[in-house]
PDB file of N, CA and C in Angstrom:
ATOM      1  N   MET A   1      99.983  84.628  65.490  1.00  0.00           N
ATOM      2  CA  MET A   1     100.876  85.769  65.326  1.00  0.00           C
ATOM      3  C   MET A   1     100.072  87.070  65.368  1.00  0.00           C
ATOM      4  N   SER A   2     100.689  88.087  65.858  1.00  0.00           N
ATOM      5  CA  SER A   2     100.000  89.366  65.960  1.00  0.00           C
ATOM      6  C   SER A   2     100.175  90.216  64.708  1.00  0.00           C
ATOM      7  N   GLY A   3     101.000  89.790  63.796  1.00  0.00           N
ATOM      8  CA  GLY A   3     101.208  90.542  62.561  1.00  0.00           C
ATOM      9  C   GLY A   3     102.104  91.749  62.741  1.00  0.00           C
ATOM     10  N   ALA A   4     102.905  91.759  63.778  1.00  0.00           N
ATOM     11  CA  ALA A   4     103.790  92.896  64.032  1.00  0.00           C
ATOM     12  C   ALA A   4     104.930  92.912  63.022  1.00  0.00           C
ATOM     13  N   GLN A   5     105.290  94.106  62.646  1.00  0.00           N
ATOM     14  CA  GLN A   5     106.401  94.272  61.711  1.00  0.00           C
ATOM     15  C   GLN A   5     107.706  94.277  62.488  1.00  0.00           C
ATOM     16  N   PRO A   6     108.843  93.969  61.813  1.00  0.00           N
ATOM     17  CA  PRO A   6     110.116  93.877  62.532  1.00  0.00           C
ATOM     18  C   PRO A   6     110.524  95.160  63.259  1.00  0.00           C
ATOM     19  N   GLY A   7     110.265  96.318  62.703  1.00  0.00           N
ATOM     20  CA  GLY A   7     110.693  97.571  63.328  1.00  0.00           C
ATOM     21  C   GLY A   7     109.655  98.165  64.248  1.00  0.00           C
ATOM     22  N   ASN A   8     108.610  97.438  64.567  1.00  0.00           N
ATOM     23  CA  ASN A   8     107.511  97.985  65.347  1.00  0.00           C
ATOM     24  C   ASN A   8     107.901  98.285  66.794  1.00  0.00           C
ATOM     25  N   GLY A   9     108.800  97.525  67.380  1.00  0.00           N
ATOM     26  CA  GLY A   9     109.238  97.768  68.745  1.00  0.00           C
ATOM     27  C   GLY A   9     109.928  99.107  68.899  1.00  0.00           C
ATOM     28  N   ARG A  10     110.660  99.490  67.920  1.00  0.00           N
ATOM     29  CA  ARG A  10     111.364 100.765  67.972  1.00  0.00           C
ATOM     30  C   ARG A  10     110.381 101.935  67.905  1.00  0.00           C
ATOM     31  N   ARG A  11     109.350 101.807  67.089  1.00  0.00           N
ATOM     32  CA  ARG A  11     108.353 102.871  67.015  1.00  0.00           C
ATOM     33  C   ARG A  11     107.575 102.977  68.318  1.00  0.00           C
ATOM     34  N   GLY A  12     107.377 101.860  68.994  1.00  0.00           N
ATOM     35  CA  GLY A  12     106.684 101.886  70.277  1.00  0.00           C
ATOM     36  C   GLY A  12     107.434 102.708  71.309  1.00  0.00           C
ATOM     37  N   TRP A  13     108.762 102.581  71.352  1.00  0.00           N
ATOM     38  CA  TRP A  13     109.568 103.384  72.277  1.00  0.00           C
ATOM     39  C   TRP A  13     109.533 104.849  71.895  1.00  0.00           C
ATOM     40  N   ARG A  14     109.549 105.132  70.619  1.00  0.00           N
ATOM     41  CA  ARG A  14     109.490 106.542  70.201  1.00  0.00           C
ATOM     42  C   ARG A  14     108.171 107.176  70.599  1.00  0.00           C
ATOM     43  N   ARG A  15     107.105 106.381  70.566  1.00  0.00           N
ATOM     44  CA  ARG A  15     105.808 106.915  70.943  1.00  0.00           C
ATOM     45  C   ARG A  15     105.794 107.284  72.424  1.00  0.00           C
ATOM     46  N   TRP A  16     106.438 106.492  73.274  1.00  0.00           N
ATOM     47  CA  TRP A  16     106.463 106.780  74.704  1.00  0.00           C
ATOM     48  C   TRP A  16     107.477 107.850  75.072  1.00  0.00           C
ATOM     49  N   LEU A  17     108.501 108.037  74.244  1.00  0.00           N
ATOM     50  CA  LEU A  17     109.546 109.018  74.572  1.00  0.00           C
ATOM     51  C   LEU A  17     109.310 110.354  73.890  1.00  0.00           C
ATOM     52  N   ARG A  18     108.060 110.680  73.635  1.00  0.00           N
ATOM     53  CA  ARG A  18     107.757 112.004  73.124  1.00  0.00           C
ATOM     54  C   ARG A  18     107.715 113.000  74.271  1.00  0.00           C
ATOM     55  N   ARG A  19     107.864 114.258  73.928  1.00  0.00           N
ATOM     56  CA  ARG A  19     107.947 115.288  74.959  1.00  0.00           C
ATOM     57  C   ARG A  19     106.641 115.456  75.730  1.00  0.00           C
ATOM     58  N   GLY A  20     105.519 115.468  75.053  1.00  0.00           N
ATOM     59  CA  GLY A  20     104.235 115.755  75.688  1.00  0.00           C
ATOM     60  C   GLY A  20     103.883 114.829  76.847  1.00  0.00           C
ATOM     61  N   PRO A  21     103.792 113.514  76.614  1.00  0.00           N
ATOM     62  CA  PRO A  21     103.422 112.628  77.727  1.00  0.00           C
ATOM     63  C   PRO A  21     104.455 112.590  78.847  1.00  0.00           C
ATOM     64  N   CYS A  22     105.718 112.674  78.508  1.00  0.00           N
ATOM     65  CA  CYS A  22     106.762 112.633  79.543  1.00  0.00           C
ATOM     66  C   CYS A  22     106.779 113.916  80.366  1.00  0.00           C
ATOM     67  N   GLU A  23     106.530 115.068  79.724  1.00  0.00           N
ATOM     68  CA  GLU A  23     106.446 116.313  80.476  1.00  0.00           C
ATOM     69  C   GLU A  23     105.259 116.285  81.428  1.00  0.00           C
ATOM     70  N   MET A  24     104.153 115.720  80.961  1.00  0.00           N
ATOM     71  CA  MET A  24     102.980 115.627  81.819  1.00  0.00           C
ATOM     72  C   MET A  24     103.275 114.750  83.045  1.00  0.00           C
ATOM     73  N   GLY A  25     103.986 113.646  82.835  1.00  0.00           N
ATOM     74  CA  GLY A  25     104.353 112.785  83.956  1.00  0.00           C
ATOM     75  C   GLY A  25     105.263 113.490  84.941  1.00  0.00           C
ATOM     76  N   ALA A  26     106.220 114.267  84.430  1.00  0.00           N
ATOM     77  CA  ALA A  26     107.129 115.005  85.310  1.00  0.00           C
ATOM     78  C   ALA A  26     106.371 116.074  86.096  1.00  0.00           C
ATOM     79  N   MET A  27     105.440 116.750  85.435  1.00  0.00           N
ATOM     80  CA  MET A  27     104.651 117.767  86.136  1.00  0.00           C
ATOM     81  C   MET A  27     103.744 117.138  87.190  1.00  0.00           C
ATOM     82  N   LEU A  28     103.196 115.956  86.899  1.00  0.00           N
ATOM     83  CA  LEU A  28     102.383 115.260  87.902  1.00  0.00           C
ATOM     84  C   LEU A  28     103.223 114.856  89.110  1.00  0.00           C
ATOM     85  N   LEU A  29     104.474 114.458  88.853  1.00  0.00           N
ATOM     86  CA  LEU A  29     105.368 114.101  89.955  1.00  0.00           C
ATOM     87  C   LEU A  29     105.688 115.323  90.815  1.00  0.00           C
ATOM     88  N   ILE A  30     105.915 116.458  90.190  1.00  0.00           N
ATOM     89  CA  ILE A  30     106.154 117.698  90.936  1.00  0.00           C
ATOM     90  C   ILE A  30     104.918 118.067  91.746  1.00  0.00           C
ATOM     91  N   GLY A  31     103.749 117.967  91.132  1.00  0.00           N
ATOM     92  CA  GLY A  31     102.503 118.275  91.838  1.00  0.00           C
ATOM     93  C   GLY A  31     102.268 117.349  93.014  1.00  0.00           C
ATOM     94  N   ALA A  32     102.572 116.063  92.834  1.00  0.00           N
ATOM     95  CA  ALA A  32     102.421 115.109  93.938  1.00  0.00           C
ATOM     96  C   ALA A  32     103.363 115.473  95.084  1.00  0.00           C
ATOM     97  N   GLY A  33     104.577 115.911  94.748  1.00  0.00           N
ATOM     98  CA  GLY A  33     105.517 116.326  95.787  1.00  0.00           C
ATOM     99  C   GLY A  33     105.043 117.540  96.552  1.00  0.00           C
ATOM    100  N   VAL A  34     104.420 118.481  95.845  1.00  0.00           N
ATOM    101  CA  VAL A  34     103.898 119.678  96.525  1.00  0.00           C
ATOM    102  C   VAL A  34     102.743 119.298  97.450  1.00  0.00           C
ATOM    103  N   VAL A  35     101.866 118.415  96.972  1.00  0.00           N
ATOM    104  CA  VAL A  35     100.762 117.950  97.829  1.00  0.00           C
ATOM    105  C   VAL A  35     101.320 117.230  99.052  1.00  0.00           C
ATOM    106  N   MET A  36     102.335 116.406  98.862  1.00  0.00           N
ATOM    107  CA  MET A  36     102.964 115.710  99.987  1.00  0.00           C
ATOM    108  C   MET A  36     103.566 116.711 100.976  1.00  0.00           C
ATOM    109  N   LEU A  37     104.085 117.808 100.461  1.00  0.00           N
ATOM    110  CA  LEU A  37     104.704 118.820 101.318  1.00  0.00           C
ATOM    111  C   LEU A  37     103.666 119.555 102.162  1.00  0.00           C
ATOM    112  N   MET A  38     102.466 119.764 101.611  1.00  0.00           N
ATOM    113  CA  MET A  38     101.460 120.588 102.288  1.00  0.00           C
ATOM    114  C   MET A  38     100.481 119.805 103.156  1.00  0.00           C
ATOM    115  N   GLN A  39     100.478 118.491 103.077  1.00  0.00           N
ATOM    116  CA  GLN A  39      99.503 117.727 103.851  1.00  0.00           C
ATOM    117  C   GLN A  39      99.940 117.655 105.316  1.00  0.00           C
ATOM    118  N   PRO A  40      98.978 117.685 106.246  1.00  0.00           N
ATOM    119  CA  PRO A  40      99.331 117.694 107.675  1.00  0.00           C
ATOM    120  C   PRO A  40      99.225 116.337 108.375  1.00  0.00           C
ATOM    121  N   PHE A  41      99.045 115.245 107.637  1.00  0.00           N
ATOM    122  CA  PHE A  41      98.701 113.972 108.269  1.00  0.00           C
ATOM    123  C   PHE A  41      99.872 113.031 108.480  1.00  0.00           C
ATOM    124  N   SER A  42     100.787 112.955 107.526  1.00  0.00           N
ATOM    125  CA  SER A  42     101.814 111.917 107.573  1.00  0.00           C
ATOM    126  C   SER A  42     103.207 112.542 107.519  1.00  0.00           C
ATOM    127  N   LEU A  43     104.003 112.243 108.519  1.00  0.00           N
ATOM    128  CA  LEU A  43     105.376 112.736 108.548  1.00  0.00           C
ATOM    129  C   LEU A  43     106.220 112.053 107.473  1.00  0.00           C
ATOM    130  N   THR A  44     105.893 110.804 107.148  1.00  0.00           N
ATOM    131  CA  THR A  44     106.639 110.074 106.114  1.00  0.00           C
ATOM    132  C   THR A  44     106.456 110.731 104.752  1.00  0.00           C
ATOM    133  N   LEU A  45     105.213 111.102 104.409  1.00  0.00           N
ATOM    134  CA  LEU A  45     104.975 111.782 103.130  1.00  0.00           C
ATOM    135  C   LEU A  45     105.710 113.121 103.094  1.00  0.00           C
ATOM    136  N   TYR A  46     105.665 113.845 104.205  1.00  0.00           N
ATOM    137  CA  TYR A  46     106.375 115.119 104.275  1.00  0.00           C
ATOM    138  C   TYR A  46     107.873 114.916 104.095  1.00  0.00           C
ATOM    139  N   THR A  47     108.409 113.857 104.661  1.00  0.00           N
ATOM    140  CA  THR A  47     109.845 113.584 104.578  1.00  0.00           C
ATOM    141  C   THR A  47     110.283 113.355 103.138  1.00  0.00           C
ATOM    142  N   TYR A  48     109.481 112.609 102.377  1.00  0.00           N
ATOM    143  CA  TYR A  48     109.858 112.287 100.996  1.00  0.00           C
ATOM    144  C   TYR A  48     109.379 113.314  99.977  1.00  0.00           C
ATOM    145  N   SER A  49     108.735 114.375 100.411  1.00  0.00           N
ATOM    146  CA  SER A  49     108.214 115.355  99.461  1.00  0.00           C
ATOM    147  C   SER A  49     109.340 116.078  98.714  1.00  0.00           C
ATOM    148  N   PHE A  50     110.409 116.432  99.391  1.00  0.00           N
ATOM    149  CA  PHE A  50     111.496 117.142  98.713  1.00  0.00           C
ATOM    150  C   PHE A  50     112.147 116.262  97.660  1.00  0.00           C
ATOM    151  N   VAL A  51     112.346 115.002  97.980  1.00  0.00           N
ATOM    152  CA  VAL A  51     112.943 114.074  97.018  1.00  0.00           C
ATOM    153  C   VAL A  51     112.027 113.911  95.807  1.00  0.00           C
ATOM    154  N   THR A  52     110.725 113.872  96.038  1.00  0.00           N
ATOM    155  CA  THR A  52     109.764 113.729  94.949  1.00  0.00           C
ATOM    156  C   THR A  52     109.770 114.960  94.056  1.00  0.00           C
ATOM    157  N   ILE A  53     109.781 116.135  94.649  1.00  0.00           N
ATOM    158  CA  ILE A  53     109.833 117.378  93.865  1.00  0.00           C
ATOM    159  C   ILE A  53     111.145 117.445  93.082  1.00  0.00           C
ATOM    160  N   LEU A  54     112.239 117.080  93.710  1.00  0.00           N
ATOM    161  CA  LEU A  54     113.536 117.101  93.034  1.00  0.00           C
ATOM    162  C   LEU A  54     113.565 116.121  91.866  1.00  0.00           C
ATOM    163  N   ALA A  55     113.039 114.919  92.050  1.00  0.00           N
ATOM    164  CA  ALA A  55     113.003 113.930  90.969  1.00  0.00           C
ATOM    165  C   ALA A  55     112.128 114.421  89.817  1.00  0.00           C
ATOM    166  N   GLY A  56     111.003 115.034  90.131  1.00  0.00           N
ATOM    167  CA  GLY A  56     110.144 115.580  89.074  1.00  0.00           C
ATOM    168  C   GLY A  56     110.805 116.718  88.329  1.00  0.00           C
ATOM    169  N   THR A  57     111.509 117.571  89.035  1.00  0.00           N
ATOM    170  CA  THR A  57     112.200 118.692  88.390  1.00  0.00           C
ATOM    171  C   THR A  57     113.324 118.199  87.488  1.00  0.00           C
ATOM    172  N   LEU A  58     114.127 117.264  87.978  1.00  0.00           N
ATOM    173  CA  LEU A  58     115.202 116.713  87.149  1.00  0.00           C
ATOM    174  C   LEU A  58     114.633 115.962  85.945  1.00  0.00           C
ATOM    175  N   GLY A  59     113.541 115.240  86.155  1.00  0.00           N
ATOM    176  CA  GLY A  59     112.880 114.565  85.046  1.00  0.00           C
ATOM    177  C   GLY A  59     112.380 115.555  84.017  1.00  0.00           C
ATOM    178  N   PHE A  60     111.827 116.669  84.455  1.00  0.00           N
ATOM    179  CA  PHE A  60     111.329 117.686  83.520  1.00  0.00           C
ATOM    180  C   PHE A  60     112.475 118.286  82.715  1.00  0.00           C
ATOM    181  N   VAL A  61     113.616 118.520  83.355  1.00  0.00           N
ATOM    182  CA  VAL A  61     114.781 119.063  82.642  1.00  0.00           C
ATOM    183  C   VAL A  61     115.254 118.081  81.570  1.00  0.00           C
ATOM    184  N   VAL A  62     115.291 116.803  81.891  1.00  0.00           N
ATOM    185  CA  VAL A  62     115.726 115.795  80.919  1.00  0.00           C
ATOM    186  C   VAL A  62     114.720 115.676  79.794  1.00  0.00           C
ATOM    187  N   VAL A  63     113.434 115.628  80.150  1.00  0.00           N
ATOM    188  CA  VAL A  63     112.379 115.442  79.153  1.00  0.00           C
ATOM    189  C   VAL A  63     112.284 116.631  78.209  1.00  0.00           C
ATOM    190  N   SER A  64     112.640 117.800  78.672  1.00  0.00           N
ATOM    191  CA  SER A  64     112.548 118.982  77.818  1.00  0.00           C
ATOM    192  C   SER A  64     113.498 118.907  76.632  1.00  0.00           C
ATOM    193  N   HIS A  65     114.435 117.958  76.648  1.00  0.00           N
ATOM    194  CA  HIS A  65     115.332 117.774  75.510  1.00  0.00           C
ATOM    195  C   HIS A  65     114.866 116.679  74.560  1.00  0.00           C
ATOM    196  N   PHE A  66     113.725 116.041  74.854  1.00  0.00           N
ATOM    197  CA  PHE A  66     113.182 114.997  73.981  1.00  0.00           C
ATOM    198  C   PHE A  66     112.592 115.630  72.728  1.00  0.00           C
ATOM    199  N   PRO A  67     112.499 114.870  71.639  1.00  0.00           N
ATOM    200  CA  PRO A  67     111.876 115.411  70.416  1.00  0.00           C
ATOM    201  C   PRO A  67     110.368 115.556  70.587  1.00  0.00           C
ATOM    202  N   GLU A  68     109.786 116.405  69.773  1.00  0.00           N
ATOM    203  CA  GLU A  68     108.331 116.591  69.786  1.00  0.00           C
ATOM    204  C   GLU A  68     107.739 115.328  69.322  1.00  0.00           C
TER     205      GLU A  68
END
């Protein structure tokens, strides 16, 4: 047995759903979309760059309502 307490799973989700790490992930997604938009090598990356930026922006809006 790992010695886990009964309510430990719930605390694990709260740790991942904090504002700081989720905002960082959303900002990284936006940054990846901008890099995809500016690169001159792959038309496929350029095609999906807008969707990536949009997903990161919507994620940032949602995450901004998470607790500290």
